[in-house]
């Protein structure tokens, strides 16, 4: 039984030997892998990316502030229009203003959630 087991392992090793011979050494394969990889960003590139991200955030915040100011104005106008309307009818202008507010509020929410 030992002879059969030893013969089996010997035959498996002999079959695997050609496959090992075809593989490149571990150090060579690793070096080739790193040579095709993108080099890490330089400190100047990192700083530029940081400044660009900061500028995008400032612009996004400015747009959000402008839109919320417009929302306040539209809500104030809507309040005045509703106060002036009779309890029987609301004008088409009031409905349009409410739709504008809804649309703008969605846009503001999306800007706040966006990165």
N, C-alpha and C. Protein backbone atom coordinates (compact mmCIF):
# COMPACT_ATOMS: atom_id res chain seq x y z
N UNK A 1 0.83 -1.20 0.00
CA UNK A 1 0.00 0.00 0.00
C UNK A 1 0.86 1.25 0.00
N UNK A 2 1.94 1.21 0.78
CA UNK A 2 2.84 2.37 0.80
C UNK A 2 3.47 2.59 -0.57
N UNK A 3 3.77 1.55 -1.23
CA UNK A 3 4.40 1.66 -2.55
C UNK A 3 3.44 2.31 -3.54
N UNK A 4 2.17 1.95 -3.45
CA UNK A 4 1.17 2.54 -4.36
C UNK A 4 0.98 4.01 -4.04
N UNK A 5 0.89 4.38 -2.77
CA UNK A 5 0.72 5.77 -2.35
C UNK A 5 1.93 6.59 -2.77
N UNK A 6 3.13 6.05 -2.56
CA UNK A 6 4.35 6.76 -2.95
C UNK A 6 4.39 6.95 -4.46
N UNK A 7 4.02 5.93 -5.21
CA UNK A 7 4.02 6.02 -6.67
C UNK A 7 3.01 7.08 -7.14
N UNK A 8 1.84 7.10 -6.47
CA UNK A 8 0.82 8.09 -6.82
C UNK A 8 1.34 9.51 -6.60
N UNK A 9 1.93 9.79 -5.44
CA UNK A 9 2.44 11.13 -5.15
C UNK A 9 3.58 11.49 -6.08
N UNK A 10 4.42 10.51 -6.41
CA UNK A 10 5.52 10.77 -7.34
C UNK A 10 4.99 11.13 -8.72
N UNK A 11 3.96 10.42 -9.18
CA UNK A 11 3.40 10.74 -10.49
C UNK A 11 2.72 12.11 -10.49
N UNK A 12 2.06 12.47 -9.38
CA UNK A 12 1.43 13.79 -9.28
C UNK A 12 2.49 14.88 -9.32
N UNK A 13 3.58 14.68 -8.60
CA UNK A 13 4.67 15.66 -8.61
C UNK A 13 5.29 15.80 -9.99
N UNK A 14 5.42 14.70 -10.68
CA UNK A 14 6.01 14.76 -12.03
C UNK A 14 5.09 15.49 -13.00
N UNK A 15 3.78 15.34 -12.82
CA UNK A 15 2.84 16.05 -13.69
C UNK A 15 2.83 17.55 -13.39
N UNK A 16 3.06 17.91 -12.16
CA UNK A 16 3.03 19.32 -11.77
C UNK A 16 4.33 20.02 -12.08
N UNK A 17 5.42 19.32 -12.21
CA UNK A 17 6.72 19.93 -12.46
C UNK A 17 6.74 20.78 -13.71
N UNK A 18 6.20 20.35 -14.85
CA UNK A 18 6.20 21.22 -16.04
C UNK A 18 5.41 22.50 -15.81
N UNK A 19 4.34 22.42 -15.05
CA UNK A 19 3.53 23.62 -14.77
C UNK A 19 4.34 24.60 -13.93
N UNK A 20 5.12 24.11 -12.97
CA UNK A 20 5.95 24.99 -12.15
C UNK A 20 7.04 25.64 -12.99
N UNK A 21 7.55 24.91 -13.94
CA UNK A 21 8.64 25.43 -14.78
C UNK A 21 8.14 26.57 -15.65
N UNK A 22 6.86 26.56 -16.01
CA UNK A 22 6.32 27.61 -16.87
C UNK A 22 6.03 28.89 -16.11
N UNK A 23 5.78 28.77 -14.83
CA UNK A 23 5.49 29.96 -14.02
C UNK A 23 6.76 30.77 -13.83
N UNK A 24 6.60 32.09 -13.87
CA UNK A 24 7.73 32.97 -13.62
C UNK A 24 7.97 33.02 -12.12
N UNK A 25 9.17 33.35 -11.72
CA UNK A 25 9.44 33.50 -10.29
C UNK A 25 8.52 34.55 -9.67
N UNK A 26 8.25 34.39 -8.42
CA UNK A 26 7.31 35.28 -7.73
C UNK A 26 7.75 36.73 -7.81
N UNK A 27 9.02 37.01 -7.66
CA UNK A 27 9.53 38.38 -7.70
C UNK A 27 9.33 39.03 -9.05
N UNK A 28 9.48 38.27 -10.13
CA UNK A 28 9.31 38.81 -11.47
C UNK A 28 7.86 39.13 -11.73
N UNK A 29 6.98 38.22 -11.35
CA UNK A 29 5.55 38.45 -11.58
C UNK A 29 5.08 39.68 -10.81
N UNK A 30 5.56 39.84 -9.60
CA UNK A 30 5.16 40.99 -8.79
C UNK A 30 5.67 42.28 -9.41
N UNK A 31 6.88 42.27 -9.90
CA UNK A 31 7.45 43.48 -10.50
C UNK A 31 6.69 43.86 -11.76
N UNK A 32 6.30 42.88 -12.57
CA UNK A 32 5.54 43.18 -13.77
C UNK A 32 4.17 43.74 -13.41
N UNK A 33 3.57 43.21 -12.37
CA UNK A 33 2.25 43.68 -11.94
C UNK A 33 2.31 45.14 -11.54
N UNK A 34 3.32 45.52 -10.79
CA UNK A 34 3.43 46.89 -10.32
C UNK A 34 3.80 47.86 -11.44
N UNK A 35 4.53 47.39 -12.45
CA UNK A 35 4.93 48.30 -13.52
C UNK A 35 3.74 48.73 -14.37
N UNK A 36 2.69 47.89 -14.45
CA UNK A 36 1.52 48.25 -15.24
C UNK A 36 0.49 49.03 -14.42
N UNK A 37 0.67 49.08 -13.12
CA UNK A 37 -0.28 49.79 -12.25
C UNK A 37 -0.07 51.30 -12.36
N UNK A 38 -1.11 52.04 -12.06
CA UNK A 38 -1.05 53.50 -12.08
C UNK A 38 -0.22 53.96 -10.87
N UNK A 39 0.72 54.84 -11.09
CA UNK A 39 1.53 55.31 -9.95
C UNK A 39 0.67 56.11 -8.98
N UNK A 40 1.03 56.11 -7.72
CA UNK A 40 0.24 56.87 -6.74
C UNK A 40 0.34 58.36 -7.04
N UNK A 41 -0.70 59.11 -6.69
CA UNK A 41 -0.68 60.55 -6.97
C UNK A 41 0.40 61.26 -6.17
N UNK A 42 0.92 62.30 -6.77
CA UNK A 42 1.94 63.10 -6.09
C UNK A 42 1.27 64.00 -5.07
N UNK A 43 2.03 64.54 -4.13
CA UNK A 43 1.43 65.47 -3.15
C UNK A 43 0.76 66.67 -3.82
N UNK A 44 1.33 67.15 -4.91
CA UNK A 44 0.73 68.29 -5.62
C UNK A 44 -0.63 67.90 -6.21
N UNK A 45 -0.71 66.67 -6.76
CA UNK A 45 -1.98 66.21 -7.32
C UNK A 45 -3.03 66.03 -6.23
N UNK A 46 -2.60 65.51 -5.10
CA UNK A 46 -3.52 65.34 -3.97
C UNK A 46 -4.05 66.69 -3.51
N UNK A 47 -3.18 67.67 -3.41
CA UNK A 47 -3.58 69.02 -2.99
C UNK A 47 -4.54 69.64 -4.00
N UNK A 48 -4.26 69.44 -5.30
CA UNK A 48 -5.13 69.97 -6.34
C UNK A 48 -6.51 69.33 -6.26
N UNK A 49 -6.55 68.01 -6.06
CA UNK A 49 -7.84 67.32 -5.92
C UNK A 49 -8.60 67.83 -4.71
N UNK A 50 -7.90 68.06 -3.61
CA UNK A 50 -8.54 68.55 -2.39
C UNK A 50 -9.14 69.94 -2.61
N UNK A 51 -8.36 70.81 -3.29
CA UNK A 51 -8.87 72.17 -3.56
C UNK A 51 -10.06 72.15 -4.50
N UNK A 52 -10.01 71.27 -5.52
CA UNK A 52 -11.11 71.18 -6.47
C UNK A 52 -12.38 70.67 -5.78
N UNK A 53 -12.23 69.70 -4.89
CA UNK A 53 -13.37 69.18 -4.14
C UNK A 53 -13.95 70.26 -3.23
N UNK A 54 -13.08 71.02 -2.59
CA UNK A 54 -13.54 72.10 -1.72
C UNK A 54 -14.30 73.15 -2.53
N UNK A 55 -13.79 73.47 -3.73
CA UNK A 55 -14.46 74.45 -4.57
C UNK A 55 -15.84 73.92 -5.02
N UNK A 56 -15.91 72.63 -5.39
CA UNK A 56 -17.20 72.04 -5.79
C UNK A 56 -18.19 72.11 -4.63
N UNK A 57 -17.73 71.83 -3.42
CA UNK A 57 -18.62 71.88 -2.26
C UNK A 57 -19.10 73.31 -2.00
N UNK A 58 -18.20 74.29 -2.17
CA UNK A 58 -18.60 75.69 -1.98
C UNK A 58 -19.63 76.10 -3.02
N UNK A 59 -19.43 75.68 -4.28
CA UNK A 59 -20.38 76.02 -5.34
C UNK A 59 -21.74 75.35 -5.09
N UNK A 60 -21.71 74.09 -4.65
CA UNK A 60 -22.95 73.38 -4.34
C UNK A 60 -23.69 74.07 -3.20
N UNK A 61 -22.95 74.48 -2.16
CA UNK A 61 -23.57 75.18 -1.03
C UNK A 61 -24.17 76.51 -1.49
N UNK A 62 -23.47 77.24 -2.36
CA UNK A 62 -23.98 78.52 -2.86
C UNK A 62 -25.28 78.31 -3.64
N UNK A 63 -25.34 77.25 -4.46
CA UNK A 63 -26.56 76.96 -5.21
C UNK A 63 -27.71 76.60 -4.26
N UNK A 64 -27.40 75.81 -3.24
CA UNK A 64 -28.43 75.44 -2.26
C UNK A 64 -28.96 76.68 -1.55
N UNK A 65 -28.06 77.59 -1.16
CA UNK A 65 -28.47 78.82 -0.48
C UNK A 65 -29.34 79.68 -1.39
N UNK A 66 -28.94 79.80 -2.66
CA UNK A 66 -29.72 80.59 -3.62
C UNK A 66 -31.11 79.97 -3.80
N UNK A 67 -31.16 78.65 -3.94
CA UNK A 67 -32.44 77.98 -4.13
C UNK A 67 -33.34 78.09 -2.90
N UNK A 68 -32.75 78.01 -1.71
CA UNK A 68 -33.58 78.14 -0.50
C UNK A 68 -34.09 79.56 -0.34
N UNK A 69 -33.29 80.54 -0.75
CA UNK A 69 -33.78 81.93 -0.74
C UNK A 69 -34.97 82.07 -1.69
N UNK A 70 -34.86 81.43 -2.85
CA UNK A 70 -35.96 81.48 -3.82
C UNK A 70 -37.18 80.74 -3.27
N UNK A 71 -36.94 79.63 -2.56
CA UNK A 71 -38.05 78.90 -1.94
C UNK A 71 -38.80 79.78 -0.94
N UNK A 72 -38.05 80.50 -0.14
CA UNK A 72 -38.66 81.39 0.85
C UNK A 72 -39.51 82.45 0.15
N UNK A 73 -38.97 83.02 -0.91
CA UNK A 73 -39.71 84.06 -1.66
C UNK A 73 -41.00 83.48 -2.26
N UNK A 74 -40.90 82.30 -2.86
CA UNK A 74 -42.09 81.68 -3.45
C UNK A 74 -43.11 81.33 -2.37
N UNK A 75 -42.66 80.82 -1.24
CA UNK A 75 -43.58 80.48 -0.15
C UNK A 75 -44.27 81.73 0.38
N UNK A 76 -43.53 82.84 0.47
CA UNK A 76 -44.12 84.10 0.92
C UNK A 76 -45.18 84.58 -0.06
N UNK A 77 -44.87 84.48 -1.36
CA UNK A 77 -45.83 84.87 -2.39
C UNK A 77 -47.07 83.97 -2.34
N UNK A 78 -46.84 82.68 -2.14
CA UNK A 78 -47.96 81.74 -2.06
C UNK A 78 -48.86 82.07 -0.87
N UNK A 79 -48.26 82.38 0.24
CA UNK A 79 -49.02 82.74 1.45
C UNK A 79 -49.89 83.97 1.18
N UNK A 80 -49.31 84.99 0.53
CA UNK A 80 -50.08 86.20 0.22
C UNK A 80 -51.23 85.89 -0.72
N UNK A 81 -50.96 85.06 -1.73
CA UNK A 81 -52.00 84.71 -2.71
C UNK A 81 -53.14 83.94 -2.05
N UNK A 82 -52.80 83.01 -1.16
CA UNK A 82 -53.83 82.24 -0.47
C UNK A 82 -54.62 83.14 0.46
N UNK A 83 -53.95 84.08 1.13
CA UNK A 83 -54.65 85.00 2.03
C UNK A 83 -55.63 85.89 1.26
N UNK A 84 -55.29 86.25 0.04
CA UNK A 84 -56.14 87.13 -0.76
C UNK A 84 -57.28 86.39 -1.44
N UNK A 85 -57.12 85.08 -1.61
CA UNK A 85 -58.16 84.29 -2.30
C UNK A 85 -59.35 84.09 -1.37
N UNK A 86 -60.50 83.89 -1.99
CA UNK A 86 -61.68 83.60 -1.18
C UNK A 86 -61.66 82.11 -0.81
N UNK A 87 -62.49 81.76 0.15
CA UNK A 87 -62.50 80.37 0.58
C UNK A 87 -63.21 79.47 -0.44
N UNK A 88 -63.75 80.04 -1.48
CA UNK A 88 -64.43 79.27 -2.52
C UNK A 88 -63.49 78.90 -3.68
N UNK A 89 -62.54 79.79 -3.99
CA UNK A 89 -61.70 79.56 -5.18
C UNK A 89 -60.23 79.90 -4.89
N UNK A 90 -59.40 79.14 -5.53
CA UNK A 90 -57.97 79.45 -5.55
C UNK A 90 -57.58 79.66 -7.01
N UNK A 91 -56.78 80.67 -7.26
CA UNK A 91 -56.43 80.98 -8.64
C UNK A 91 -55.44 79.96 -9.19
N UNK A 92 -55.35 79.93 -10.52
CA UNK A 92 -54.39 79.06 -11.19
C UNK A 92 -52.97 79.45 -10.83
N UNK A 93 -52.77 80.74 -10.56
CA UNK A 93 -51.44 81.23 -10.16
C UNK A 93 -50.98 80.58 -8.86
N UNK A 94 -51.90 80.38 -7.93
CA UNK A 94 -51.56 79.76 -6.64
C UNK A 94 -51.12 78.31 -6.87
N UNK A 95 -51.83 77.61 -7.73
CA UNK A 95 -51.49 76.21 -8.01
C UNK A 95 -50.12 76.13 -8.69
N UNK A 96 -49.87 77.01 -9.64
CA UNK A 96 -48.57 77.03 -10.32
C UNK A 96 -47.43 77.34 -9.35
N UNK A 97 -47.68 78.28 -8.46
CA UNK A 97 -46.66 78.65 -7.48
C UNK A 97 -46.36 77.46 -6.55
N UNK A 98 -47.39 76.73 -6.16
CA UNK A 98 -47.20 75.55 -5.31
C UNK A 98 -46.39 74.48 -6.05
N UNK A 99 -46.66 74.32 -7.35
CA UNK A 99 -45.88 73.36 -8.15
C UNK A 99 -44.42 73.80 -8.26
N UNK A 100 -44.20 75.10 -8.44
CA UNK A 100 -42.82 75.62 -8.49
C UNK A 100 -42.08 75.33 -7.19
N UNK A 101 -42.78 75.54 -6.08
CA UNK A 101 -42.17 75.31 -4.77
C UNK A 101 -41.81 73.83 -4.62
N UNK A 102 -42.72 72.98 -5.02
CA UNK A 102 -42.48 71.54 -4.91
C UNK A 102 -41.27 71.12 -5.75
N UNK A 103 -41.21 71.60 -6.97
CA UNK A 103 -40.10 71.26 -7.86
C UNK A 103 -38.77 71.77 -7.30
N UNK A 104 -38.76 72.99 -6.85
CA UNK A 104 -37.54 73.58 -6.30
C UNK A 104 -37.11 72.88 -5.02
N UNK A 105 -38.08 72.51 -4.20
CA UNK A 105 -37.76 71.80 -2.95
C UNK A 105 -37.12 70.45 -3.26
N UNK A 106 -37.59 69.75 -4.28
CA UNK A 106 -36.97 68.48 -4.68
C UNK A 106 -35.52 68.70 -5.14
N UNK A 107 -35.32 69.76 -5.93
CA UNK A 107 -33.97 70.05 -6.41
C UNK A 107 -33.02 70.35 -5.25
N UNK A 108 -33.49 71.11 -4.28
CA UNK A 108 -32.67 71.43 -3.12
C UNK A 108 -32.32 70.16 -2.36
N UNK A 109 -33.31 69.31 -2.16
CA UNK A 109 -33.07 68.05 -1.44
C UNK A 109 -32.04 67.20 -2.17
N UNK A 110 -32.14 67.12 -3.51
CA UNK A 110 -31.18 66.34 -4.28
C UNK A 110 -29.77 66.90 -4.17
N UNK A 111 -29.66 68.22 -4.18
CA UNK A 111 -28.34 68.85 -4.04
C UNK A 111 -27.76 68.60 -2.67
N UNK A 112 -28.60 68.56 -1.65
CA UNK A 112 -28.11 68.33 -0.29
C UNK A 112 -27.63 66.89 -0.14
N UNK A 113 -28.30 65.95 -0.79
CA UNK A 113 -27.94 64.54 -0.68
C UNK A 113 -26.72 64.22 -1.54
N UNK A 114 -26.58 64.91 -2.66
CA UNK A 114 -25.46 64.63 -3.58
C UNK A 114 -24.13 64.87 -2.89
N UNK A 115 -23.17 64.14 -3.33
CA UNK A 115 -21.84 64.30 -2.74
C UNK A 115 -21.34 65.62 -3.01
